[in-house]
Amino acid sequence: MRSDAAAWNTAAADMKGPLNSLADLELTGEKMSFFATERELDATYDSARTAIEDMLGKAAEYFQRISDNLDSAARQYEHDDINAAGKIQQAGQ
């Protein structure tokens, strides 16, 4: 579980690079041709870029949540194993 948690944590961190890069890909009407602006391609492009940015942000959040839950479950299993071992040891005495 801990190795899976680490893998999900890495996946969450790996989302940050592309997520940060999306901000640099912003295009305004001034950066596009008159033809593109007249047909609102700048707004369409920005809507698509924003949607991808939102999806990557949510993916990073969900990946981190999965990692945290796996870590929590691993700690609980470890705690339960220690308690059970103690009870078995006490029963044998």
C-alpha atoms as a PDB file:
ATOM      1  CA  MET A   1       0.000   0.000   0.000  1.00  0.00           C
ATOM      2  CA  ARG A   2       2.785   2.403   0.833  1.00  0.00           C
ATOM      3  CA  SER A   3       4.467   1.870  -2.532  1.00  0.00           C
ATOM      4  CA  ASP A   4       1.129   2.440  -4.273  1.00  0.00           C
ATOM      5  CA  ALA A   5       0.642   5.588  -2.200  1.00  0.00           C
ATOM      6  CA  ALA A   6       4.076   6.790  -3.295  1.00  0.00           C
ATOM      7  CA  ALA A   7       3.198   6.102  -6.942  1.00  0.00           C
ATOM      8  CA  TRP A   8      -0.022   8.137  -6.664  1.00  0.00           C
ATOM      9  CA  ASN A   9       1.864  10.908  -4.872  1.00  0.00           C
ATOM     10  CA  THR A  10       4.364  10.995  -7.744  1.00  0.00           C
ATOM     11  CA  ALA A  11       1.513  11.087 -10.257  1.00  0.00           C
ATOM     12  CA  ALA A  12       0.011  14.068  -8.415  1.00  0.00           C
ATOM     13  CA  ALA A  13       3.356  15.873  -8.456  1.00  0.00           C
ATOM     14  CA  ASP A  14       3.824  15.051 -12.144  1.00  0.00           C
ATOM     15  CA  MET A  15       0.611  16.935 -12.948  1.00  0.00           C
ATOM     16  CA  LYS A  16       2.093  20.193 -11.683  1.00  0.00           C
ATOM     17  CA  GLY A  17       4.521  20.639 -14.587  1.00  0.00           C
ATOM     18  CA  PRO A  18       1.898  20.502 -17.337  1.00  0.00           C
ATOM     19  CA  LEU A  19      -0.514  22.462 -15.162  1.00  0.00           C
ATOM     20  CA  ASN A  20       1.991  25.286 -14.716  1.00  0.00           C
ATOM     21  CA  SER A  21       2.814  25.231 -18.432  1.00  0.00           C
ATOM     22  CA  LEU A  22      -0.797  25.860 -19.384  1.00  0.00           C
ATOM     23  CA  ALA A  23      -0.666  29.364 -17.946  1.00  0.00           C
ATOM     24  CA  ASP A  24       2.068  30.193 -20.485  1.00  0.00           C
ATOM     25  CA  LEU A  25      -0.170  29.027 -23.330  1.00  0.00           C
ATOM     26  CA  GLU A  26      -2.720  31.781 -22.827  1.00  0.00           C
ATOM     27  CA  LEU A  27      -3.572  33.549 -26.078  1.00  0.00           C
ATOM     28  CA  THR A  28      -5.458  36.796 -26.235  1.00  0.00           C
ATOM     29  CA  GLY A  29      -7.050  38.441 -29.230  1.00  0.00           C
ATOM     30  CA  GLU A  30      -3.940  40.604 -29.645  1.00  0.00           C
ATOM     31  CA  LYS A  31      -1.793  37.503 -30.091  1.00  0.00           C
ATOM     32  CA  MET A  32      -4.073  36.027 -32.760  1.00  0.00           C
ATOM     33  CA  SER A  33      -4.868  37.211 -36.223  1.00  0.00           C
ATOM     34  CA  PHE A  34      -7.797  39.493 -36.937  1.00  0.00           C
ATOM     35  CA  PHE A  35      -9.423  36.612 -38.829  1.00  0.00           C
ATOM     36  CA  ALA A  36      -9.182  34.339 -35.772  1.00  0.00           C
ATOM     37  CA  THR A  37     -10.444  37.023 -33.413  1.00  0.00           C
ATOM     38  CA  GLU A  38     -13.401  37.850 -35.648  1.00  0.00           C
ATOM     39  CA  ARG A  39     -14.462  34.207 -35.522  1.00  0.00           C
ATOM     40  CA  GLU A  40     -13.903  34.076 -31.746  1.00  0.00           C
ATOM     41  CA  LEU A  41     -11.192  31.441 -32.002  1.00  0.00           C
ATOM     42  CA  ASP A  42      -9.376  33.165 -29.149  1.00  0.00           C
ATOM     43  CA  ALA A  43     -12.347  32.543 -26.842  1.00  0.00           C
ATOM     44  CA  THR A  44     -12.726  28.956 -28.072  1.00  0.00           C
ATOM     45  CA  TYR A  45      -9.016  28.306 -27.548  1.00  0.00           C
ATOM     46  CA  ASP A  46      -9.107  29.848 -24.072  1.00  0.00           C
ATOM     47  CA  SER A  47     -12.151  27.764 -23.116  1.00  0.00           C
ATOM     48  CA  ALA A  48     -10.351  24.589 -24.189  1.00  0.00           C
ATOM     49  CA  ARG A  49      -7.149  25.621 -22.386  1.00  0.00           C
ATOM     50  CA  THR A  50      -9.093  26.419 -19.220  1.00  0.00           C
ATOM     51  CA  ALA A  51     -10.944  23.082 -19.378  1.00  0.00           C
ATOM     52  CA  ILE A  52      -7.647  21.194 -19.669  1.00  0.00           C
ATOM     53  CA  GLU A  53      -6.192  23.247 -16.825  1.00  0.00           C
ATOM     54  CA  ASP A  54      -9.200  22.389 -14.640  1.00  0.00           C
ATOM     55  CA  MET A  55      -8.976  18.680 -15.500  1.00  0.00           C
ATOM     56  CA  LEU A  56      -5.262  18.526 -14.694  1.00  0.00           C
ATOM     57  CA  GLY A  57      -5.844  20.368 -11.424  1.00  0.00           C
ATOM     58  CA  LYS A  58      -8.612  17.975 -10.424  1.00  0.00           C
ATOM     59  CA  ALA A  59      -6.506  14.978 -11.445  1.00  0.00           C
ATOM     60  CA  ALA A  60      -3.639  16.181  -9.250  1.00  0.00           C
ATOM     61  CA  GLU A  61      -6.058  16.704  -6.361  1.00  0.00           C
ATOM     62  CA  TYR A  62      -7.640  13.257  -6.774  1.00  0.00           C
ATOM     63  CA  PHE A  63      -4.266  11.537  -7.161  1.00  0.00           C
ATOM     64  CA  GLN A  64      -3.089  13.164  -3.933  1.00  0.00           C
ATOM     65  CA  ARG A  65      -6.291  12.129  -2.169  1.00  0.00           C
ATOM     66  CA  ILE A  66      -5.782   8.511  -3.306  1.00  0.00           C
ATOM     67  CA  SER A  67      -2.194   8.634  -2.041  1.00  0.00           C
ATOM     68  CA  ASP A  68      -3.287  10.031   1.321  1.00  0.00           C
ATOM     69  CA  ASN A  69      -6.025   7.398   1.685  1.00  0.00           C
ATOM     70  CA  LEU A  70      -3.620   4.566   0.881  1.00  0.00           C
ATOM     71  CA  ASP A  71      -1.129   5.905   3.436  1.00  0.00           C
ATOM     72  CA  SER A  72      -3.883   6.159   6.022  1.00  0.00           C
ATOM     73  CA  ALA A  73      -5.042   2.594   5.324  1.00  0.00           C
ATOM     74  CA  ALA A  74      -1.463   1.312   5.579  1.00  0.00           C
ATOM     75  CA  ARG A  75      -1.046   3.020   8.958  1.00  0.00           C
ATOM     76  CA  GLN A  76      -4.336   1.542  10.169  1.00  0.00           C
ATOM     77  CA  TYR A  77      -3.360  -1.978   9.042  1.00  0.00           C
ATOM     78  CA  GLU A  78      -0.001  -1.627  10.755  1.00  0.00           C
ATOM     79  CA  HIS A  79      -1.679  -0.400  13.942  1.00  0.00           C
ATOM     80  CA  ASP A  80      -4.206  -3.261  13.849  1.00  0.00           C
ATOM     81  CA  ASP A  81      -1.449  -5.840  13.282  1.00  0.00           C
ATOM     82  CA  ILE A  82       0.526  -4.559  16.256  1.00  0.00           C
ATOM     83  CA  ASN A  83      -2.572  -4.649  18.474  1.00  0.00           C
ATOM     84  CA  ALA A  84      -3.520  -8.154  17.314  1.00  0.00           C
ATOM     85  CA  ALA A  85       0.018  -9.424  17.893  1.00  0.00           C
ATOM     86  CA  GLY A  86      -0.077  -8.007  21.421  1.00  0.00           C
ATOM     87  CA  LYS A  87      -3.406  -9.702  22.142  1.00  0.00           C
ATOM     88  CA  ILE A  88      -2.126 -13.042  20.822  1.00  0.00           C
ATOM     89  CA  GLN A  89       0.972 -12.703  22.953  1.00  0.00           C
ATOM     90  CA  GLN A  90      -1.120 -11.913  26.051  1.00  0.00           C
ATOM     91  CA  ALA A  91      -3.433 -14.859  25.385  1.00  0.00           C
ATOM     92  CA  GLY A  92      -0.460 -17.223  25.229  1.00  0.00           C
ATOM     93  CA  GLN A  93       0.791 -16.246  28.669  1.00  0.00           C
END
